[in-house]
Amino acid sequence: QSAREMLSGLIEEYKEWIQRNRTYIPQEDKRKQVAEDLLRRAEVAQKRIEAGLQRLDDPQIFQAFTLMNKVMATAAKQRFSVEKNVTPEEITPVWRPFQLAFVLMNIQGIADPTHQERHIVDLLFFPTGGGKTEAYLGLAAFTLLLRRLRNPGIRSAGLSVLMRYTLRLLTLDQLGRATILVCALELERRANQDLLGEWPFEIGLWVGQSATANRMGQKGDKDEY
């Protein structure tokens, strides 16, 4: 109930934003059609966010959501403490509204493998430094944690999240941030093995044969592959 109360304001503000923008719809036919279409899509997103919030009434989903917030905060404290040269305790992580909305919007599709939203591909469109990475990492953490809670034992292991990087210059940065999150997940697992199982959280990287042979070698190795 407290989560509902804390997060419902986000949905109400979004509803009001949509309604305010209806007063600014241009009257010229083509622009009016585009504006109305965008606002319809915004209403669909708002309803998905609201439905995701309602799914937190499920104790298991709520637990995964709570743990996700905890490990995301742990990861953020570690990352920003290094960047700002302060202790992790001096960092107070906060969600940006769109990040939290993105996680809530996708909860139904993650929680229910048969849900029609599984056919939707959501695009986060923000400038560099806007917080896109944390948004999708939060959803990845929720997915991993919910799988552990629902499938005790070895059944919860295996590949759960696949991230594809299309720009090589971003690969190491994104991998580093994802690795910090996986370390935070692993610390949480070790502290709660009865809940999250004995199999560790792990991460791997495959970068393609045009950049590397995809196997470890050593000095003097004559293997042409």
C-alpha atoms as a PDB file:
ATOM      1  CA  GLN A   1       0.000   0.000   0.000  1.00  0.00           C
ATOM      2  CA  SER A   2       2.814   2.422   0.832  1.00  0.00           C
ATOM      3  CA  ALA A   3       4.425   1.766  -2.569  1.00  0.00           C
ATOM      4  CA  ARG A   4       1.108   2.513  -4.276  1.00  0.00           C
ATOM      5  CA  GLU A   5       0.816   5.787  -2.377  1.00  0.00           C
ATOM      6  CA  MET A   6       4.397   6.808  -3.126  1.00  0.00           C
ATOM      7  CA  LEU A   7       4.231   5.995  -6.844  1.00  0.00           C
ATOM      8  CA  SER A   8       0.667   6.931  -7.716  1.00  0.00           C
ATOM      9  CA  GLY A   9       1.630  10.600  -7.901  1.00  0.00           C
ATOM     10  CA  LEU A  10       3.863   9.811 -10.877  1.00  0.00           C
ATOM     11  CA  ILE A  11       0.885   8.429 -12.794  1.00  0.00           C
ATOM     12  CA  GLU A  12      -1.429  11.284 -11.846  1.00  0.00           C
ATOM     13  CA  GLU A  13       1.128  13.868 -12.947  1.00  0.00           C
ATOM     14  CA  TYR A  14       1.528  12.067 -16.267  1.00  0.00           C
ATOM     15  CA  LYS A  15      -2.247  12.027 -16.762  1.00  0.00           C
ATOM     16  CA  GLU A  16      -2.403  15.756 -16.123  1.00  0.00           C
ATOM     17  CA  TRP A  17       0.496  16.372 -18.517  1.00  0.00           C
ATOM     18  CA  ILE A  18      -1.354  14.514 -21.268  1.00  0.00           C
ATOM     19  CA  GLN A  19      -4.520  16.503 -20.659  1.00  0.00           C
ATOM     20  CA  ARG A  20      -2.652  19.823 -20.643  1.00  0.00           C
ATOM     21  CA  ASN A  21      -1.053  19.005 -23.967  1.00  0.00           C
ATOM     22  CA  ARG A  22      -4.448  18.336 -25.529  1.00  0.00           C
ATOM     23  CA  THR A  23      -5.097  22.074 -25.295  1.00  0.00           C
ATOM     24  CA  TYR A  24      -2.059  22.726 -27.493  1.00  0.00           C
ATOM     25  CA  ILE A  25      -3.043  20.490 -30.411  1.00  0.00           C
ATOM     26  CA  PRO A  26      -2.591  22.481 -33.656  1.00  0.00           C
ATOM     27  CA  GLN A  27      -5.598  22.856 -35.929  1.00  0.00           C
ATOM     28  CA  GLU A  28      -3.766  22.256 -39.183  1.00  0.00           C
ATOM     29  CA  ASP A  29      -4.870  18.784 -40.389  1.00  0.00           C
ATOM     30  CA  LYS A  30      -1.551  17.000 -40.751  1.00  0.00           C
ATOM     31  CA  ARG A  31       0.002  18.348 -37.542  1.00  0.00           C
ATOM     32  CA  LYS A  32      -3.250  17.751 -35.652  1.00  0.00           C
ATOM     33  CA  GLN A  33      -3.269  14.098 -36.704  1.00  0.00           C
ATOM     34  CA  VAL A  34       0.333  13.592 -35.577  1.00  0.00           C
ATOM     35  CA  ALA A  35      -0.298  15.321 -32.238  1.00  0.00           C
ATOM     36  CA  GLU A  36      -3.411  13.270 -31.519  1.00  0.00           C
ATOM     37  CA  ASP A  37      -1.573  10.058 -32.390  1.00  0.00           C
ATOM     38  CA  LEU A  38       1.288  10.905 -30.022  1.00  0.00           C
ATOM     39  CA  LEU A  39      -1.119  11.674 -27.189  1.00  0.00           C
ATOM     40  CA  ARG A  40      -2.953   8.382 -27.786  1.00  0.00           C
ATOM     41  CA  ARG A  41       0.360   6.573 -27.466  1.00  0.00           C
ATOM     42  CA  ALA A  42       1.096   8.519 -24.289  1.00  0.00           C
ATOM     43  CA  GLU A  43      -2.231   7.340 -22.852  1.00  0.00           C
ATOM     44  CA  VAL A  44      -1.324   3.736 -23.690  1.00  0.00           C
ATOM     45  CA  ALA A  45       2.000   4.186 -21.880  1.00  0.00           C
ATOM     46  CA  GLN A  46       0.219   5.744 -18.902  1.00  0.00           C
ATOM     47  CA  LYS A  47      -2.149   2.790 -18.654  1.00  0.00           C
ATOM     48  CA  ARG A  48       0.759   0.353 -18.845  1.00  0.00           C
ATOM     49  CA  ILE A  49       2.543   2.198 -16.027  1.00  0.00           C
ATOM     50  CA  GLU A  50      -0.629   2.083 -13.930  1.00  0.00           C
ATOM     51  CA  ALA A  51      -1.075  -1.629 -14.625  1.00  0.00           C
ATOM     52  CA  GLY A  52       2.545  -2.256 -13.607  1.00  0.00           C
ATOM     53  CA  LEU A  53       1.952  -0.452 -10.341  1.00  0.00           C
ATOM     54  CA  GLN A  54      -1.100  -2.623  -9.693  1.00  0.00           C
ATOM     55  CA  ARG A  55       0.991  -5.764 -10.249  1.00  0.00           C
ATOM     56  CA  LEU A  56       3.038  -4.804  -7.188  1.00  0.00           C
ATOM     57  CA  ASP A  57       0.099  -6.143  -5.168  1.00  0.00           C
ATOM     58  CA  ASP A  58       1.560  -9.582  -5.956  1.00  0.00           C
ATOM     59  CA  PRO A  59       3.926 -10.289  -3.008  1.00  0.00           C
ATOM     60  CA  GLN A  60       6.563 -11.979  -5.176  1.00  0.00           C
ATOM     61  CA  ILE A  61       6.588  -9.202  -7.773  1.00  0.00           C
ATOM     62  CA  PHE A  62       6.725  -6.596  -5.027  1.00  0.00           C
ATOM     63  CA  GLN A  63       9.660  -8.401  -3.407  1.00  0.00           C
ATOM     64  CA  ALA A  64      11.543  -8.472  -6.722  1.00  0.00           C
ATOM     65  CA  PHE A  65      10.777  -4.766  -7.196  1.00  0.00           C
ATOM     66  CA  THR A  66      12.001  -3.948  -3.682  1.00  0.00           C
ATOM     67  CA  LEU A  67      15.228  -5.921  -4.109  1.00  0.00           C
ATOM     68  CA  MET A  68      15.766  -4.320  -7.510  1.00  0.00           C
ATOM     69  CA  ASN A  69      15.665  -0.877  -5.918  1.00  0.00           C
ATOM     70  CA  LYS A  70      18.113  -2.026  -3.260  1.00  0.00           C
ATOM     71  CA  VAL A  71      20.719  -3.433  -5.654  1.00  0.00           C
ATOM     72  CA  MET A  72      20.363  -0.472  -8.025  1.00  0.00           C
ATOM     73  CA  ALA A  73      21.084   1.840  -5.092  1.00  0.00           C
ATOM     74  CA  THR A  74      24.112  -0.256  -4.100  1.00  0.00           C
ATOM     75  CA  ALA A  75      25.447  -0.126  -7.664  1.00  0.00           C
ATOM     76  CA  ALA A  76      24.858   3.629  -7.945  1.00  0.00           C
ATOM     77  CA  LYS A  77      26.630   4.315  -4.655  1.00  0.00           C
ATOM     78  CA  GLN A  78      29.656   2.359  -5.787  1.00  0.00           C
ATOM     79  CA  ARG A  79      29.819   3.961  -9.213  1.00  0.00           C
ATOM     80  CA  PHE A  80      29.274   7.563  -8.178  1.00  0.00           C
ATOM     81  CA  SER A  81      31.501   7.341  -5.110  1.00  0.00           C
ATOM     82  CA  VAL A  82      34.419   6.473  -7.400  1.00  0.00           C
ATOM     83  CA  GLU A  83      33.522   9.187  -9.914  1.00  0.00           C
ATOM     84  CA  LYS A  84      33.144  11.860  -7.219  1.00  0.00           C
ATOM     85  CA  ASN A  85      35.935  10.553  -4.964  1.00  0.00           C
ATOM     86  CA  VAL A  86      33.681  10.257  -1.909  1.00  0.00           C
ATOM     87  CA  THR A  87      32.504   7.356   0.225  1.00  0.00           C
ATOM     88  CA  PRO A  88      29.460   5.333  -0.900  1.00  0.00           C
ATOM     89  CA  GLU A  89      27.636   6.470   2.240  1.00  0.00           C
ATOM     90  CA  GLU A  90      27.780  10.055   0.970  1.00  0.00           C
ATOM     91  CA  ILE A  91      25.805   9.152  -2.171  1.00  0.00           C
ATOM     92  CA  THR A  92      21.986   9.244  -2.136  1.00  0.00           C
ATOM     93  CA  PRO A  93      20.711   7.573  -5.321  1.00  0.00           C
ATOM     94  CA  VAL A  94      17.376   8.700  -6.748  1.00  0.00           C
ATOM     95  CA  TRP A  95      15.330   7.596  -9.736  1.00  0.00           C
ATOM     96  CA  ARG A  96      14.502  10.015 -12.493  1.00  0.00           C
ATOM     97  CA  PRO A  97      10.743   9.894 -13.161  1.00  0.00           C
ATOM     98  CA  PHE A  98      11.073   8.379 -16.647  1.00  0.00           C
ATOM     99  CA  GLN A  99      13.390   5.630 -15.344  1.00  0.00           C
ATOM    100  CA  LEU A 100      10.927   4.483 -12.725  1.00  0.00           C
ATOM    101  CA  ALA A 101       8.059   4.808 -15.208  1.00  0.00           C
ATOM    102  CA  PHE A 102       9.958   2.622 -17.704  1.00  0.00           C
ATOM    103  CA  VAL A 103      10.408  -0.132 -15.126  1.00  0.00           C
ATOM    104  CA  LEU A 104       6.758  -0.006 -14.048  1.00  0.00           C
ATOM    105  CA  MET A 105       5.578   0.070 -17.663  1.00  0.00           C
ATOM    106  CA  ASN A 106       7.320  -3.225 -18.409  1.00  0.00           C
ATOM    107  CA  ILE A 107       6.487  -5.159 -15.257  1.00  0.00           C
ATOM    108  CA  GLN A 108       3.443  -6.865 -16.783  1.00  0.00           C
ATOM    109  CA  GLY A 109       5.365  -8.165 -19.781  1.00  0.00           C
ATOM    110  CA  ILE A 110       8.216  -9.449 -17.610  1.00  0.00           C
ATOM    111  CA  ALA A 111       6.004 -10.988 -14.936  1.00  0.00           C
ATOM    112  CA  ASP A 112       3.649 -12.763 -17.358  1.00  0.00           C
ATOM    113  CA  PRO A 113       5.343 -14.693 -20.224  1.00  0.00           C
ATOM    114  CA  THR A 114       1.987 -14.964 -22.044  1.00  0.00           C
ATOM    115  CA  HIS A 115       1.105 -11.269 -21.844  1.00  0.00           C
ATOM    116  CA  GLN A 116       0.409  -9.468 -25.126  1.00  0.00           C
ATOM    117  CA  GLU A 117       2.948  -6.781 -24.195  1.00  0.00           C
ATOM    118  CA  ARG A 118       5.671  -9.322 -24.964  1.00  0.00           C
ATOM    119  CA  HIS A 119       5.205  -8.268 -28.591  1.00  0.00           C
ATOM    120  CA  ILE A 120       6.015  -4.620 -27.825  1.00  0.00           C
ATOM    121  CA  VAL A 121       9.509  -3.163 -28.256  1.00  0.00           C
ATOM    122  CA  ASP A 122       9.943   0.014 -26.202  1.00  0.00           C
ATOM    123  CA  LEU A 123      12.430   2.680 -27.275  1.00  0.00           C
ATOM    124  CA  LEU A 124      14.061   4.975 -24.722  1.00  0.00           C
ATOM    125  CA  PHE A 125      15.016   8.160 -26.550  1.00  0.00           C
ATOM    126  CA  PHE A 126      17.115  10.507 -24.426  1.00  0.00           C
ATOM    127  CA  PRO A 127      20.361  12.451 -24.936  1.00  0.00           C
ATOM    128  CA  THR A 128      23.671  11.019 -23.735  1.00  0.00           C
ATOM    129  CA  GLY A 129      23.806  11.192 -19.949  1.00  0.00           C
ATOM    130  CA  GLY A 130      20.024  11.243 -19.629  1.00  0.00           C
ATOM    131  CA  GLY A 131      19.799   7.998 -17.666  1.00  0.00           C
ATOM    132  CA  LYS A 132      18.798   5.400 -20.274  1.00  0.00           C
ATOM    133  CA  THR A 133      21.297   2.818 -19.019  1.00  0.00           C
ATOM    134  CA  GLU A 134      20.034   2.851 -15.437  1.00  0.00           C
ATOM    135  CA  ALA A 135      16.461   2.487 -16.703  1.00  0.00           C
ATOM    136  CA  TYR A 136      17.123  -0.702 -18.635  1.00  0.00           C
ATOM    137  CA  LEU A 137      19.525  -2.057 -16.009  1.00  0.00           C
ATOM    138  CA  GLY A 138      16.783  -1.613 -13.423  1.00  0.00           C
ATOM    139  CA  LEU A 139      14.452  -3.678 -15.556  1.00  0.00           C
ATOM    140  CA  ALA A 140      17.197  -6.275 -16.074  1.00  0.00           C
ATOM    141  CA  ALA A 141      17.716  -6.516 -12.310  1.00  0.00           C
ATOM    142  CA  PHE A 142      13.976  -6.939 -11.750  1.00  0.00           C
ATOM    143  CA  THR A 143      13.910  -9.734 -14.351  1.00  0.00           C
ATOM    144  CA  LEU A 144      16.840 -11.580 -12.767  1.00  0.00           C
ATOM    145  CA  LEU A 145      15.472 -11.275  -9.246  1.00  0.00           C
ATOM    146  CA  LEU A 146      11.939 -12.347 -10.155  1.00  0.00           C
ATOM    147  CA  ARG A 147      13.341 -15.423 -11.909  1.00  0.00           C
ATOM    148  CA  ARG A 148      15.291 -16.350  -8.764  1.00  0.00           C
ATOM    149  CA  LEU A 149      12.249 -15.907  -6.552  1.00  0.00           C
ATOM    150  CA  ARG A 150       9.982 -17.950  -8.822  1.00  0.00           C
ATOM    151  CA  ASN A 151      12.408 -20.763  -9.590  1.00  0.00           C
ATOM    152  CA  PRO A 152      14.349 -21.935  -6.539  1.00  0.00           C
ATOM    153  CA  GLY A 153      17.512 -23.917  -7.221  1.00  0.00           C
ATOM    154  CA  ILE A 154      19.306 -24.546 -10.487  1.00  0.00           C
ATOM    155  CA  ARG A 155      16.215 -23.747 -12.574  1.00  0.00           C
ATOM    156  CA  SER A 156      16.803 -20.045 -11.948  1.00  0.00           C
ATOM    157  CA  ALA A 157      20.294 -20.164 -13.468  1.00  0.00           C
ATOM    158  CA  GLY A 158      21.135 -19.708 -17.137  1.00  0.00           C
ATOM    159  CA  LEU A 159      20.868 -16.812 -19.573  1.00  0.00           C
ATOM    160  CA  SER A 160      18.149 -14.348 -18.571  1.00  0.00           C
ATOM    161  CA  VAL A 161      19.098 -11.019 -20.149  1.00  0.00           C
ATOM    162  CA  LEU A 162      20.806 -10.377 -23.487  1.00  0.00           C
ATOM    163  CA  MET A 163      22.215  -6.892 -24.123  1.00  0.00           C
ATOM    164  CA  ARG A 164      23.384  -5.965 -27.614  1.00  0.00           C
ATOM    165  CA  TYR A 165      25.757  -3.055 -28.090  1.00  0.00           C
ATOM    166  CA  THR A 166      25.839  -1.633 -31.603  1.00  0.00           C
ATOM    167  CA  LEU A 167      28.680   0.853 -31.060  1.00  0.00           C
ATOM    168  CA  ARG A 168      32.076  -0.515 -30.020  1.00  0.00           C
ATOM    169  CA  LEU A 169      33.066   2.693 -28.246  1.00  0.00           C
ATOM    170  CA  LEU A 170      30.124   2.227 -25.858  1.00  0.00           C
ATOM    171  CA  THR A 171      30.698  -1.463 -25.185  1.00  0.00           C
ATOM    172  CA  LEU A 172      33.229  -1.169 -22.359  1.00  0.00           C
ATOM    173  CA  ASP A 173      31.291   1.629 -20.667  1.00  0.00           C
ATOM    174  CA  GLN A 174      28.017  -0.297 -20.784  1.00  0.00           C
ATOM    175  CA  LEU A 175      29.712  -3.541 -19.760  1.00  0.00           C
ATOM    176  CA  GLY A 176      31.326  -1.832 -16.797  1.00  0.00           C
ATOM    177  CA  ARG A 177      28.035  -0.429 -15.552  1.00  0.00           C
ATOM    178  CA  ALA A 178      26.248  -3.742 -16.058  1.00  0.00           C
ATOM    179  CA  THR A 179      29.056  -5.509 -14.192  1.00  0.00           C
ATOM    180  CA  ILE A 180      28.692  -3.180 -11.212  1.00  0.00           C
ATOM    181  CA  LEU A 181      25.015  -4.116 -11.071  1.00  0.00           C
ATOM    182  CA  VAL A 182      25.774  -7.843 -11.316  1.00  0.00           C
ATOM    183  CA  CYS A 183      28.255  -7.461  -8.445  1.00  0.00           C
ATOM    184  CA  ALA A 184      25.542  -5.738  -6.391  1.00  0.00           C
ATOM    185  CA  LEU A 185      23.144  -8.587  -7.233  1.00  0.00           C
ATOM    186  CA  GLU A 186      25.750 -11.140  -6.201  1.00  0.00           C
ATOM    187  CA  LEU A 187      26.376  -9.401  -2.880  1.00  0.00           C
ATOM    188  CA  GLU A 188      22.640  -9.471  -2.213  1.00  0.00           C
ATOM    189  CA  ARG A 189      22.450 -13.148  -3.178  1.00  0.00           C
ATOM    190  CA  ARG A 190      25.287 -14.069  -0.826  1.00  0.00           C
ATOM    191  CA  ALA A 191      23.504 -12.286   2.001  1.00  0.00           C
ATOM    192  CA  ASN A 192      20.189 -14.053   1.176  1.00  0.00           C
ATOM    193  CA  GLN A 193      21.054 -17.481  -0.236  1.00  0.00           C
ATOM    194  CA  ASP A 194      17.880 -19.007   1.165  1.00  0.00           C
ATOM    195  CA  LEU A 195      15.921 -16.528  -0.936  1.00  0.00           C
ATOM    196  CA  LEU A 196      18.054 -16.092  -4.065  1.00  0.00           C
ATOM    197  CA  GLY A 197      19.735 -19.487  -4.316  1.00  0.00           C
ATOM    198  CA  GLU A 198      23.273 -20.839  -4.360  1.00  0.00           C
ATOM    199  CA  TRP A 199      24.019 -20.194  -8.043  1.00  0.00           C
ATOM    200  CA  PRO A 200      25.959 -16.935  -8.499  1.00  0.00           C
ATOM    201  CA  PHE A 201      24.868 -14.017 -10.647  1.00  0.00           C
ATOM    202  CA  GLU A 202      27.249 -13.848 -13.595  1.00  0.00           C
ATOM    203  CA  ILE A 203      27.958 -11.747 -16.687  1.00  0.00           C
ATOM    204  CA  GLY A 204      29.789 -12.461 -19.926  1.00  0.00           C
ATOM    205  CA  LEU A 205      30.880 -10.604 -23.058  1.00  0.00           C
ATOM    206  CA  TRP A 206      31.057 -11.695 -26.697  1.00  0.00           C
ATOM    207  CA  VAL A 207      32.457  -9.041 -28.998  1.00  0.00           C
ATOM    208  CA  GLY A 208      32.542 -10.671 -32.438  1.00  0.00           C
ATOM    209  CA  GLN A 209      35.335 -12.156 -34.487  1.00  0.00           C
ATOM    210  CA  SER A 210      35.978  -8.980 -36.450  1.00  0.00           C
ATOM    211  CA  ALA A 211      37.440  -7.495 -33.252  1.00  0.00           C
ATOM    212  CA  THR A 212      38.844 -10.547 -31.467  1.00  0.00           C
ATOM    213  CA  ALA A 213      39.267 -14.274 -31.839  1.00  0.00           C
ATOM    214  CA  ASN A 214      36.916 -14.772 -28.882  1.00  0.00           C
ATOM    215  CA  ARG A 215      39.291 -16.981 -26.943  1.00  0.00           C
ATOM    216  CA  MET A 216      42.006 -16.342 -24.399  1.00  0.00           C
ATOM    217  CA  GLY A 217      45.606 -16.713 -25.588  1.00  0.00           C
ATOM    218  CA  GLN A 218      49.073 -16.105 -24.239  1.00  0.00           C
ATOM    219  CA  LYS A 219      52.423 -14.741 -25.350  1.00  0.00           C
ATOM    220  CA  GLY A 220      53.961 -16.924 -28.043  1.00  0.00           C
ATOM    221  CA  ASP A 221      50.663 -18.604 -28.911  1.00  0.00           C
ATOM    222  CA  LYS A 222      50.896 -19.762 -32.528  1.00  0.00           C
ATOM    223  CA  ASP A 223      47.232 -20.715 -32.871  1.00  0.00           C
ATOM    224  CA  GLU A 224      46.018 -18.861 -35.958  1.00  0.00           C
ATOM    225  CA  TYR A 225      42.515 -18.730 -34.515  1.00  0.00           C
END
